[in-house]
Structures are given as structure tokens and as C-alpha cells.
Amino acid sequence: MFIHMSQSQSSPVSPAVSPEDLERSLDSPLRLRLVADLLDRAGASFGLDDAVVSSSRHVQDVLACLRPMVRWGVLEESADGRGFRLRADLSPELRQALARGVEARSDLLNRERRVRFDVLAGMIGVNPKMQLIFEMIRQVSRIDVPVLITGETGTGKELVARAIHDLSHRRSAFFGAVNCATLTETLFESQVFGHARGAFTGAVRDHAGLVEQCDRGTLFLDEVGDLQLANQVKLLRVLQQGTFSRLGDGAVRSSNFRLVAATNRDLGTMVAAGLFREDLFYRLNVFPMRLPSLRERLDDLPYLVAEMLAHDTRLGASGTRPTISAEALAVLAGHSWPGNIRELENVVVRAAIMAQGDAIRPEHLPPLGTPLSAQPSPSEQPGEERVRTLEEIERDHIAFALRAKRGNIRSAAAALGVTRATIYKKMKRYGLETAMPELRQKPR
């Protein structure tokens, strides 16, 4: 949402930057990406949260790229600091310098966009914890060290592993993944190290294991905490020596692979209990990354839902993409999400099907179990009707007012007896603009 600019649109611009310096400033990949998006919007405003989501960068990094351009007289910033756009009276010379700089750096721009839409596909977040994850992915992908990804089931551990591989110099080589929880001792050795013909019943031909296939690539061991002790020793040996042998074949082979492991278990506690080798734990835990659960970053929920509805190929077959009501989004925000992103995706897809092309409403949602907001407080008695919180009532009433006034924020604010700034703040807090896409099309 855009209120007004920090500089008057009617006043003449005295740019504090030359066209040449402005074009050179686009050597920053992040600024290049943001400027390209601004040019694509043809004068429309660019919300700060939108910029963070589209770039997968920390909000402070985004501001560090945009605010100098405000000082240079290239961009205008909204009064609340949450929106940016190109100045309407930007000189043709500066506008051409921006277009020239974007065109000259098309390869770099395409790489930045590939990172967001291909490498980081499915990972969205304005929450600081997710922004930290994105930055850690970028940093560790440049260095060949083992990575240990921890987090609950459904938080996207394999997505992170693939992103690390795709951003590294190993991207053109093989990415091999195996779930350790599904493999017996013999099967693990066969799958990971390979086997010779006749090594066991059914081994009718020689087989190269994942360690061999991932030479110059990346090996991803999911649920490594479920690895049996005997196989932990074998894995430790190849990490220490870089050599291995196929099952049933004494020939020593070598492989230069990068290991990324993941688990939803506490390996430190397992080490103390004698269930996981301490030496292997330290080999794996060189660069630890903990993925936050969905309930730790509920402020990302509106963006996740919007992304799922916009890009799931199973939806929108009729040509119209489904939307979600503020009321349904409020129900989702109250759930504890034990299955995390995977559970959210299943719920959203099912609700979109039930809505049959209409906006998803609470009645379209499947039963979600006991939501966070419905868990009994110490003062509540079992079976007692739950009292809605003031925040829930306020959110629903603001949503009602916005709909009643057809998205006109000035009218809604007047009806509620508050300022427009208060409405903007509450909409941001409750995720109402994302939950009510029609607001983006309405006059402010």
C-alpha cells in the first residue's frame, strides 16, 4: 500500500547521481534485481515485503540498496517507509541509464531470478529466521564443507540441500539423495557404496552407489539420525579417508563429494545416549542450519498461501486462480501446524478444490485439530466455550470494514474512527492485504 512520497512529485528533481554512476551502481546483484522489478512495474509502487519475498534477501539488505536511490533522487519512498517507486519526474537520462544497466547485466539478472524461482523455489519468508537461512545458503554454497540441516518434518530440509548444491560450483554434477530411515544395514551399504555382481541374492550386475555417482557432486543423507551404528562407522570411514569399496568388491575407490545431512532428531542427545557416534557427529556438524517450524514464523503464512495458490499447477485449471478470504487465513494462522509447510500445502490444495473457484472461506478448510488459539488456558474448564481474543475480533472487524467499503482504505478508516496510518499498520500486522488480493486493485 502506498500513502504518499517523501518528496513531492511536482517538484523538480536535482539528481545527486550521474547517469554513469547510476548505471555502475547496478553491479550489485540485489540492486540490479530490485531495479529490474521496479522498471517492470511501469511506475507502480513496490512494497518492502514484496521486495524481500521476490529477492529472498534480508530486509536490511533490501533497504541498503533502495534508500541510497531515494537520496539520489531516483526513487520515492512512502511516508511509512514500506513502499518505493521510480520518481514520476525522473529524467529521461537517468531512466535510460537504469534500462541500459539492466540490459547490460542480463546474465547476472537471470541468475538472480533463477536463484529465487528455481533454486529457492518453495522457500518464502519475510521472517528474520528465514532470511537468515537464505543468507546461510548463499554463504555455505561457496565453501566445500559438510552441512547438517536440522528441523521438524515438513520444514523443507531437502529444498535447502538442493539449493546449496545448485548454488555451488558442483551444480553441474550429480545430486544424490537417500532417506536413511528406510534402509536396512545391507541396503544402505548397497545404495550408498554400491555392490558387485553376486554380492547378495538379486545382485545380477555391478552397481555404482551414490558416493560414486556423486563424485564432484553432492550427497544428501536425509534422516541421518536413523542411521544404524554399523553404517555410521562405514560413513565415517569414507568421510575421513575419501575412499570406499563396493559391497562384495575389495577394490578401493575414491570420490570427491560434498555431504549434506539432515535430521529431525537431536543428535547431541543421541550422542550422550550412545545412539550416535560422537566422531561422526562432529564430522557432520561443521556448518549447522536449523530450519524454523511454521508456527515460529506465522507472519510468513499469508505469503506462503498466496504462492501456493498462484503457482500450484493443479489449481486454476479453469483459468482463474483461487484466492483466500481473511477469515480463512485467520483460521490457518491459529493452527499449530505439526506437519509444517507440507501440511499447509495439503490443506490449501484441498480447500481450493472445495471452494470450486470461489475464494476459500473457513467452511472450505478441512478439520485442523486443536488450533493454538483454542488450546485451553489455565482459567478455562474443559468443554467451556472459548472466548475470542481482542486481536481476533479486531482483525475480523477490520476485514469486514474493508470489504464493506470495497477496499477503499480512507473510507474504512473513517467508518472505524481511526487514521489511515492505523489501518495500514493493522493490515500489515494481520496480513490482510495478502489475504485480500482485491485490495491491491482498489484506490487508496
Protein backbone atom coordinates (compact mmCIF):
# COMPACT_ATOMS: atom_id res chain seq x y z
CA MET A 1 0.00 0.00 0.00
CA PHE A 2 1.24 3.47 -0.85
CA ILE A 3 0.35 6.64 1.02
CA HIS A 4 2.45 9.46 -0.35
CA MET A 5 6.04 10.07 -1.23
CA SER A 6 8.76 11.60 0.85
CA GLN A 7 9.39 14.06 -1.98
CA SER A 8 6.73 15.92 -3.91
CA GLN A 9 6.02 14.55 -7.35
CA SER A 10 5.55 18.06 -8.71
CA SER A 11 8.88 19.47 -7.55
CA PRO A 12 11.79 19.36 -10.00
CA VAL A 13 14.42 16.70 -9.45
CA SER A 14 18.01 17.64 -8.78
CA PRO A 15 19.60 14.20 -9.02
CA ALA A 16 22.62 13.60 -6.82
CA VAL A 17 23.99 10.95 -9.17
CA SER A 18 25.19 10.96 -12.76
CA PRO A 19 23.79 8.51 -15.33
CA GLU A 20 27.18 6.78 -15.46
CA ASP A 21 27.41 6.32 -11.67
CA LEU A 22 23.79 5.18 -11.52
CA GLU A 23 24.43 2.52 -14.14
CA ARG A 24 27.58 1.37 -12.29
CA SER A 25 25.57 1.03 -9.08
CA LEU A 26 23.74 -1.88 -10.69
CA ASP A 27 26.86 -4.01 -10.31
CA SER A 28 25.20 -5.01 -7.03
CA PRO A 29 23.15 -8.14 -7.91
CA LEU A 30 20.48 -7.27 -5.35
CA ARG A 31 20.08 -3.66 -6.52
CA LEU A 32 20.00 -4.90 -10.12
CA ARG A 33 17.17 -7.29 -9.28
CA LEU A 34 15.18 -4.62 -7.43
CA VAL A 35 15.61 -2.02 -10.18
CA ALA A 36 14.57 -4.55 -12.84
CA ASP A 37 11.40 -5.28 -10.86
CA LEU A 38 10.69 -1.55 -10.47
CA LEU A 39 11.10 -0.98 -14.21
CA ASP A 40 8.79 -3.91 -14.93
CA ARG A 41 6.12 -2.30 -12.75
CA ALA A 42 6.00 0.76 -15.01
CA GLY A 43 5.69 3.29 -12.20
CA ALA A 44 3.66 1.17 -9.78
CA SER A 45 4.76 1.01 -6.17
CA PHE A 46 6.94 -1.78 -4.80
CA GLY A 47 6.14 -2.85 -1.23
CA LEU A 48 9.08 -3.61 1.03
CA ASP A 49 7.72 -7.05 1.91
CA ASP A 50 7.23 -7.80 -1.79
CA ALA A 51 10.86 -6.84 -2.39
CA VAL A 52 12.04 -9.14 0.41
CA VAL A 53 9.96 -12.06 -0.89
CA SER A 54 10.94 -11.60 -4.54
CA SER A 55 14.67 -11.30 -3.76
CA SER A 56 14.90 -13.75 -0.83
CA ARG A 57 17.18 -11.25 0.89
CA HIS A 58 17.15 -9.75 4.37
CA VAL A 59 15.04 -6.62 4.76
CA GLN A 60 18.05 -4.57 5.88
CA ASP A 61 19.94 -5.56 2.73
CA VAL A 62 16.97 -4.52 0.60
CA LEU A 63 16.76 -1.15 2.35
CA ALA A 64 20.52 -0.65 1.96
CA CYS A 65 20.02 -0.91 -1.81
CA LEU A 66 16.86 1.19 -2.14
CA ARG A 67 17.33 4.10 0.26
CA PRO A 68 20.50 5.48 -1.35
CA MET A 69 18.49 5.69 -4.58
CA VAL A 70 15.94 7.82 -2.73
CA ARG A 71 18.73 10.20 -1.68
CA TRP A 72 19.96 10.30 -5.28
CA GLY A 73 16.53 11.48 -6.46
CA VAL A 74 15.84 8.26 -8.41
CA LEU A 75 13.22 6.64 -6.18
CA GLU A 76 10.42 7.92 -3.94
CA GLU A 77 9.74 6.33 -0.57
CA SER A 78 6.35 6.16 1.09
CA ALA A 79 5.84 8.03 4.33
CA ASP A 80 5.76 4.82 6.33
CA GLY A 81 8.98 3.54 4.72
CA ARG A 82 7.25 0.40 3.40
CA GLY A 83 6.90 1.32 -0.28
CA PHE A 84 9.12 2.50 -3.14
CA ARG A 85 8.71 3.51 -6.76
CA LEU A 86 10.57 5.31 -9.51
CA ARG A 87 10.04 9.07 -9.43
CA ALA A 88 7.34 10.09 -11.88
CA ASP A 89 9.50 13.02 -12.99
CA LEU A 90 12.73 11.03 -13.26
CA SER A 91 14.85 12.49 -16.05
CA PRO A 92 14.99 10.53 -19.34
CA GLU A 93 18.79 10.31 -18.96
CA LEU A 94 18.57 8.52 -15.61
CA ARG A 95 15.72 6.28 -16.72
CA GLN A 96 17.72 5.28 -19.80
CA ALA A 97 20.79 4.64 -17.61
CA LEU A 98 18.75 2.21 -15.49
CA ALA A 99 17.38 0.41 -18.55
CA ARG A 100 20.85 0.28 -20.09
CA GLY A 101 22.37 -1.11 -16.91
CA VAL A 102 19.71 -3.82 -16.59
CA GLU A 103 20.10 -4.86 -20.23
CA ALA A 104 23.91 -4.96 -20.00
CA ARG A 105 23.72 -7.22 -16.94
CA SER A 106 21.05 -9.59 -18.24
CA ASP A 107 23.13 -12.68 -17.45
CA LEU A 108 23.57 -11.61 -13.82
CA LEU A 109 19.88 -10.67 -13.57
CA ASN A 110 18.78 -14.03 -14.97
CA ARG A 111 20.99 -15.81 -12.45
CA GLU A 112 19.46 -13.83 -9.56
CA ARG A 113 15.97 -14.65 -10.77
CA ARG A 114 16.90 -18.31 -11.26
CA VAL A 115 18.07 -18.43 -7.65
CA ARG A 116 14.68 -17.18 -6.47
CA PHE A 117 12.34 -19.13 -8.73
CA ASP A 118 14.35 -22.32 -9.34
CA VAL A 119 16.93 -22.77 -6.59
CA LEU A 120 14.87 -21.31 -3.72
CA ALA A 121 11.52 -22.43 -5.16
CA GLY A 122 9.09 -23.17 -2.38
CA MET A 123 11.11 -21.26 0.22
CA ILE A 124 9.49 -17.95 1.02
CA GLY A 125 9.90 -15.74 4.03
CA VAL A 126 9.94 -12.21 5.33
CA ASN A 127 10.51 -13.63 8.81
CA PRO A 128 14.07 -12.89 10.05
CA LYS A 129 14.69 -16.59 10.75
CA MET A 130 14.05 -17.47 7.11
CA GLN A 131 16.06 -14.51 5.87
CA LEU A 132 18.97 -15.86 7.90
CA ILE A 133 18.50 -19.28 6.27
CA PHE A 134 18.64 -17.73 2.79
CA GLU A 135 21.84 -15.90 3.66
CA MET A 136 23.40 -19.05 5.15
CA ILE A 137 22.56 -20.98 1.96
CA ARG A 138 24.33 -18.38 -0.14
CA GLN A 139 27.38 -18.35 2.12
CA VAL A 140 27.91 -22.07 2.61
CA SER A 141 27.26 -22.96 -1.03
CA ARG A 142 30.59 -21.33 -1.90
CA ILE A 143 32.60 -23.50 0.52
CA ASP A 144 33.07 -27.28 0.40
CA VAL A 145 32.23 -28.20 3.98
CA PRO A 146 29.68 -30.69 5.35
CA VAL A 147 26.32 -29.16 6.28
CA LEU A 148 23.92 -30.50 8.91
CA ILE A 149 20.32 -29.34 8.47
CA THR A 150 18.01 -29.84 11.43
CA GLY A 151 14.34 -29.10 11.86
CA GLU A 152 10.94 -30.70 12.14
CA THR A 153 9.42 -32.87 9.44
CA GLY A 154 7.98 -30.83 6.60
CA THR A 155 10.13 -27.72 7.05
CA GLY A 156 11.91 -28.13 3.70
CA LYS A 157 15.26 -29.71 4.56
CA GLU A 158 15.71 -31.28 1.12
CA LEU A 159 14.86 -27.97 -0.57
CA VAL A 160 17.72 -26.37 1.38
CA ALA A 161 20.10 -29.19 0.45
CA ARG A 162 19.24 -28.84 -3.24
CA ALA A 163 19.65 -25.06 -3.05
CA ILE A 164 23.14 -25.46 -1.56
CA HIS A 165 24.05 -27.80 -4.40
CA ASP A 166 22.54 -25.63 -7.15
CA LEU A 167 24.38 -22.52 -5.96
CA SER A 168 27.73 -24.27 -5.61
CA HIS A 169 30.43 -24.98 -8.19
CA ARG A 170 29.19 -28.60 -8.10
CA ARG A 171 25.84 -27.69 -9.67
CA SER A 172 26.56 -29.43 -12.99
CA ALA A 173 27.37 -32.74 -11.27
CA PHE A 174 25.02 -35.28 -9.65
CA PHE A 175 22.83 -34.58 -6.62
CA GLY A 176 22.05 -37.88 -4.92
CA ALA A 177 19.54 -38.20 -2.09
CA VAL A 178 18.70 -41.13 0.18
CA ASN A 179 16.49 -41.47 3.25
CA CYS A 180 18.48 -43.34 5.88
CA ALA A 181 15.33 -44.24 7.85
CA THR A 182 14.13 -46.51 5.04
CA LEU A 183 17.28 -48.59 4.61
CA THR A 184 18.44 -51.76 6.33
CA GLU A 185 22.15 -52.19 7.05
CA THR A 186 22.84 -54.16 3.85
CA LEU A 187 20.62 -52.00 1.69
CA PHE A 188 22.32 -48.83 2.96
CA GLU A 189 25.74 -50.18 2.01
CA SER A 190 24.46 -51.20 -1.44
CA GLN A 191 22.68 -47.89 -2.10
CA VAL A 192 25.43 -45.63 -0.79
CA PHE A 193 28.64 -47.54 -1.62
CA GLY A 194 27.46 -49.79 -4.43
CA HIS A 195 27.81 -53.55 -4.90
CA ALA A 196 29.46 -56.08 -7.17
CA ARG A 197 27.57 -58.67 -9.16
CA GLY A 198 26.73 -61.63 -6.95
CA ALA A 199 27.37 -59.74 -3.70
CA PHE A 200 23.94 -60.86 -2.49
CA THR A 201 20.83 -62.55 -3.81
CA GLY A 202 19.39 -60.40 -6.57
CA ALA A 203 22.67 -58.57 -7.33
CA VAL A 204 22.68 -59.52 -11.02
CA ARG A 205 25.01 -56.74 -12.14
CA ASP A 206 27.60 -54.31 -10.78
CA HIS A 207 26.06 -51.19 -9.24
CA ALA A 208 27.67 -47.82 -8.57
CA GLY A 209 26.44 -46.39 -5.26
CA LEU A 210 25.56 -42.79 -4.52
CA VAL A 211 29.01 -41.95 -3.17
CA GLU A 212 30.46 -42.93 -6.54
CA GLN A 213 27.73 -41.24 -8.55
CA CYS A 214 28.15 -38.03 -6.56
CA ASP A 215 31.83 -37.63 -7.43
CA ARG A 216 32.25 -33.83 -7.88
CA GLY A 217 28.60 -33.50 -6.83
CA THR A 218 26.55 -33.54 -3.61
CA LEU A 219 25.31 -36.44 -1.48
CA PHE A 220 22.26 -35.73 0.65
CA LEU A 221 21.60 -38.09 3.57
CA ASP A 222 18.11 -37.42 4.92
CA GLU A 223 17.15 -38.59 8.42
CA VAL A 224 20.79 -39.34 9.19
CA GLY A 225 19.83 -39.73 12.85
CA ASP A 226 18.17 -43.04 11.94
CA LEU A 227 21.40 -44.49 10.57
CA GLN A 228 22.39 -47.74 12.29
CA LEU A 229 25.66 -47.73 14.26
CA ALA A 230 27.36 -50.18 11.90
CA ASN A 231 26.62 -47.93 8.95
CA GLN A 232 27.73 -44.87 10.91
CA VAL A 233 31.21 -46.42 11.06
CA LYS A 234 31.23 -47.00 7.29
CA LEU A 235 30.11 -43.46 6.60
CA LEU A 236 32.73 -42.06 8.96
CA ARG A 237 35.44 -44.00 7.15
CA VAL A 238 34.66 -42.51 3.76
CA LEU A 239 34.44 -39.01 5.26
CA GLN A 240 37.84 -39.40 6.92
CA GLN A 241 39.71 -41.15 4.11
CA GLY A 242 37.76 -40.23 1.00
CA THR A 243 37.88 -43.88 -0.09
CA PHE A 244 35.38 -46.74 -0.10
CA SER A 245 34.72 -50.19 -1.53
CA ARG A 246 31.63 -51.61 -3.14
CA LEU A 247 29.84 -54.38 -1.29
CA GLY A 248 31.39 -57.70 -2.42
CA ASP A 249 34.31 -55.96 -4.14
CA GLY A 250 37.61 -55.28 -2.38
CA ALA A 251 38.80 -52.66 -4.89
CA VAL A 252 39.42 -49.31 -3.21
CA ARG A 253 37.72 -46.39 -4.92
CA SER A 254 37.68 -42.67 -4.24
CA SER A 255 35.08 -39.93 -4.62
CA ASN A 256 35.19 -36.18 -4.21
CA PHE A 257 31.66 -35.44 -3.00
CA ARG A 258 30.11 -32.81 -0.77
CA LEU A 259 27.97 -34.17 2.08
CA VAL A 260 24.77 -32.53 3.26
CA ALA A 261 22.90 -34.36 6.03
CA ALA A 262 19.53 -33.69 7.63
CA THR A 263 17.60 -34.93 10.64
CA ASN A 264 14.59 -34.09 12.77
CA ARG A 265 16.26 -35.70 15.79
CA ASP A 266 18.56 -34.20 18.44
CA LEU A 267 21.92 -35.75 17.54
CA GLY A 268 23.61 -34.24 20.61
CA THR A 269 21.21 -36.10 22.89
CA MET A 270 21.68 -39.27 20.83
CA VAL A 271 25.46 -38.98 21.23
CA ALA A 272 25.06 -38.74 25.02
CA ALA A 273 22.82 -41.83 24.95
CA GLY A 274 25.30 -43.82 22.87
CA LEU A 275 22.95 -43.99 19.86
CA PHE A 276 25.06 -41.85 17.55
CA ARG A 277 28.84 -41.77 17.18
CA GLU A 278 30.39 -38.62 18.57
CA ASP A 279 33.18 -38.56 15.96
CA LEU A 280 30.64 -38.79 13.13
CA PHE A 281 28.52 -36.06 14.72
CA TYR A 282 31.46 -33.65 14.67
CA ARG A 283 32.22 -34.60 11.07
CA LEU A 284 28.67 -33.76 10.03
CA ASN A 285 28.13 -30.71 12.21
CA VAL A 286 30.69 -28.41 10.56
CA PHE A 287 28.05 -25.95 9.36
CA PRO A 288 24.75 -26.47 11.23
CA MET A 289 21.50 -24.96 9.97
CA ARG A 290 18.23 -25.16 11.90
CA LEU A 291 15.06 -24.60 9.88
CA PRO A 292 12.28 -22.88 11.84
CA SER A 293 8.90 -24.55 12.13
CA LEU A 294 5.90 -22.86 10.52
CA ARG A 295 4.46 -21.89 13.91
CA GLU A 296 7.70 -19.96 14.58
CA ARG A 297 7.12 -17.80 11.50
CA LEU A 298 3.39 -17.38 11.14
CA ASP A 299 3.99 -13.92 9.66
CA ASP A 300 5.10 -15.81 6.52
CA LEU A 301 1.85 -17.75 6.27
CA PRO A 302 -0.03 -15.25 4.03
CA TYR A 303 2.87 -15.20 1.56
CA LEU A 304 3.19 -18.99 1.55
CA VAL A 305 -0.53 -19.43 0.90
CA ALA A 306 -0.50 -16.81 -1.85
CA GLU A 307 2.47 -18.53 -3.51
CA MET A 308 0.80 -21.94 -3.33
CA LEU A 309 -2.43 -20.65 -4.83
CA ALA A 310 -0.61 -18.73 -7.56
CA HIS A 311 1.80 -21.43 -8.74
CA ASP A 312 0.33 -24.87 -7.99
CA THR A 313 -0.25 -26.35 -11.45
CA ARG A 314 -3.10 -28.49 -10.12
CA LEU A 315 -5.14 -25.39 -9.38
CA GLY A 316 -6.56 -22.78 -11.71
CA ALA A 317 -7.43 -25.26 -14.47
CA SER A 318 -10.48 -23.11 -15.23
CA GLY A 319 -8.22 -20.14 -15.91
CA THR A 320 -8.97 -18.36 -12.64
CA ARG A 321 -6.57 -18.69 -9.76
CA PRO A 322 -8.20 -19.26 -6.35
CA THR A 323 -7.91 -16.69 -3.57
CA ILE A 324 -8.41 -16.92 0.17
CA SER A 325 -10.56 -14.83 2.48
CA ALA A 326 -9.25 -13.01 5.53
CA GLU A 327 -11.45 -15.19 7.72
CA ALA A 328 -9.96 -18.42 6.34
CA LEU A 329 -6.45 -17.04 6.68
CA ALA A 330 -7.18 -16.20 10.31
CA VAL A 331 -8.20 -19.84 10.90
CA LEU A 332 -4.96 -21.05 9.34
CA ALA A 333 -2.94 -18.63 11.48
CA GLY A 334 -4.44 -20.18 14.62
CA HIS A 335 -3.35 -23.74 13.84
CA SER A 336 -0.19 -25.25 15.38
CA TRP A 337 0.98 -26.87 12.08
CA PRO A 338 2.76 -30.00 13.32
CA GLY A 339 3.30 -31.01 9.68
CA ASN A 340 4.70 -27.58 8.79
CA ILE A 341 4.85 -26.46 5.14
CA ARG A 342 3.92 -29.91 3.83
CA GLU A 343 0.75 -29.91 5.92
CA LEU A 344 -0.09 -26.34 4.89
CA GLU A 345 0.21 -27.21 1.21
CA ASN A 346 -2.14 -30.18 1.58
CA VAL A 347 -4.69 -28.05 3.44
CA VAL A 348 -4.55 -25.22 0.90
CA VAL A 349 -4.93 -27.52 -2.11
CA ARG A 350 -7.86 -29.36 -0.54
CA ALA A 351 -9.57 -26.09 0.43
CA ALA A 352 -9.11 -24.66 -3.08
CA ILE A 353 -10.77 -27.75 -4.55
CA MET A 354 -13.67 -27.48 -2.10
CA ALA A 355 -14.10 -23.77 -2.92
CA GLN A 356 -14.76 -24.65 -6.60
CA GLY A 357 -13.37 -21.42 -7.96
CA ASP A 358 -14.65 -19.13 -5.23
CA ALA A 359 -12.47 -17.52 -2.55
CA ILE A 360 -11.51 -20.02 0.13
CA ARG A 361 -13.59 -19.47 3.26
CA PRO A 362 -13.43 -21.17 6.67
CA GLU A 363 -16.08 -23.72 5.68
CA HIS A 364 -13.85 -24.93 2.85
CA LEU A 365 -11.00 -25.81 5.22
CA PRO A 366 -10.60 -29.39 6.47
CA PRO A 367 -10.61 -30.06 10.23
CA LEU A 368 -7.31 -28.79 11.60
CA GLY A 369 -7.33 -30.36 15.04
CA THR A 370 -6.76 -28.16 18.06
CA PRO A 371 -5.58 -24.71 16.96
CA LEU A 372 -3.12 -22.73 19.03
CA SER A 373 -5.77 -20.16 19.90
CA ALA A 374 -8.21 -22.87 21.02
CA GLN A 375 -5.89 -24.63 23.44
CA PRO A 376 -7.42 -24.25 26.94
CA SER A 377 -5.89 -21.62 29.14
CA PRO A 378 -5.34 -22.37 32.83
CA SER A 379 -8.55 -20.44 33.61
CA GLU A 380 -10.70 -22.39 31.14
CA GLN A 381 -12.58 -25.51 32.05
CA PRO A 382 -12.79 -28.47 29.61
CA GLY A 383 -15.85 -28.07 27.41
CA GLU A 384 -16.21 -24.38 28.20
CA GLU A 385 -16.88 -22.17 25.19
CA ARG A 386 -13.71 -20.40 24.13
CA VAL A 387 -13.65 -16.63 24.42
CA ARG A 388 -12.26 -14.99 21.29
CA THR A 389 -9.28 -12.73 21.82
CA LEU A 390 -9.48 -9.00 21.16
CA GLU A 391 -6.95 -9.41 18.33
CA GLU A 392 -9.18 -11.95 16.59
CA ILE A 393 -12.20 -9.67 16.89
CA GLU A 394 -10.23 -6.63 15.72
CA ARG A 395 -8.82 -8.46 12.70
CA ASP A 396 -12.21 -9.73 11.59
CA HIS A 397 -13.83 -6.32 12.09
CA ILE A 398 -11.17 -4.53 10.05
CA ALA A 399 -11.58 -7.12 7.28
CA PHE A 400 -15.36 -6.56 7.41
CA ALA A 401 -14.93 -2.79 7.14
CA LEU A 402 -12.56 -3.08 4.19
CA ARG A 403 -14.93 -5.35 2.34
CA ALA A 404 -17.93 -3.14 3.17
CA LYS A 405 -16.07 -0.14 1.72
CA ARG A 406 -14.94 -2.14 -1.33
CA GLY A 407 -11.26 -1.85 -0.42
CA ASN A 408 -11.26 1.93 0.00
CA ILE A 409 -8.91 2.37 2.94
CA ARG A 410 -9.80 6.02 3.53
CA SER A 411 -13.48 5.16 3.83
CA ALA A 412 -12.81 2.14 6.01
CA ALA A 413 -10.66 4.22 8.35
CA ALA A 414 -13.38 6.86 8.61
CA ALA A 415 -16.02 4.24 9.36
CA LEU A 416 -13.88 2.76 12.10
CA GLY A 417 -12.94 6.14 13.55
CA VAL A 418 -9.19 5.68 13.11
CA THR A 419 -6.50 7.12 10.86
CA ARG A 420 -5.38 5.59 7.59
CA ALA A 421 -1.95 5.01 9.14
CA THR A 422 -3.60 2.84 11.79
CA ILE A 423 -5.39 0.81 9.10
CA TYR A 424 -2.14 0.29 7.20
CA LYS A 425 -0.41 -0.84 10.37
CA LYS A 426 -3.20 -3.28 11.27
CA MET A 427 -3.38 -4.65 7.72
CA LYS A 428 0.34 -5.31 7.82
CA ARG A 429 0.10 -6.94 11.25
CA TYR A 430 -2.76 -9.25 10.32
CA GLY A 431 -1.70 -10.00 6.74
CA LEU A 432 -4.95 -8.59 5.36
CA GLU A 433 -3.62 -7.20 2.10
CA THR A 434 -2.12 -10.55 1.13
CA ALA A 435 -5.26 -12.37 2.24
CA MET A 436 -7.49 -9.94 0.29
CA PRO A 437 -5.86 -9.55 -3.15
CA GLU A 438 -8.70 -7.33 -4.34
CA LEU A 439 -7.37 -4.54 -2.09
CA ARG A 440 -4.33 -4.12 -4.30
CA GLN A 441 -6.55 -3.07 -7.16
CA LYS A 442 -8.55 -0.50 -5.17
CA PRO A 443 -7.86 3.24 -4.84
CA ARG A 444 -6.32 4.31 -1.55
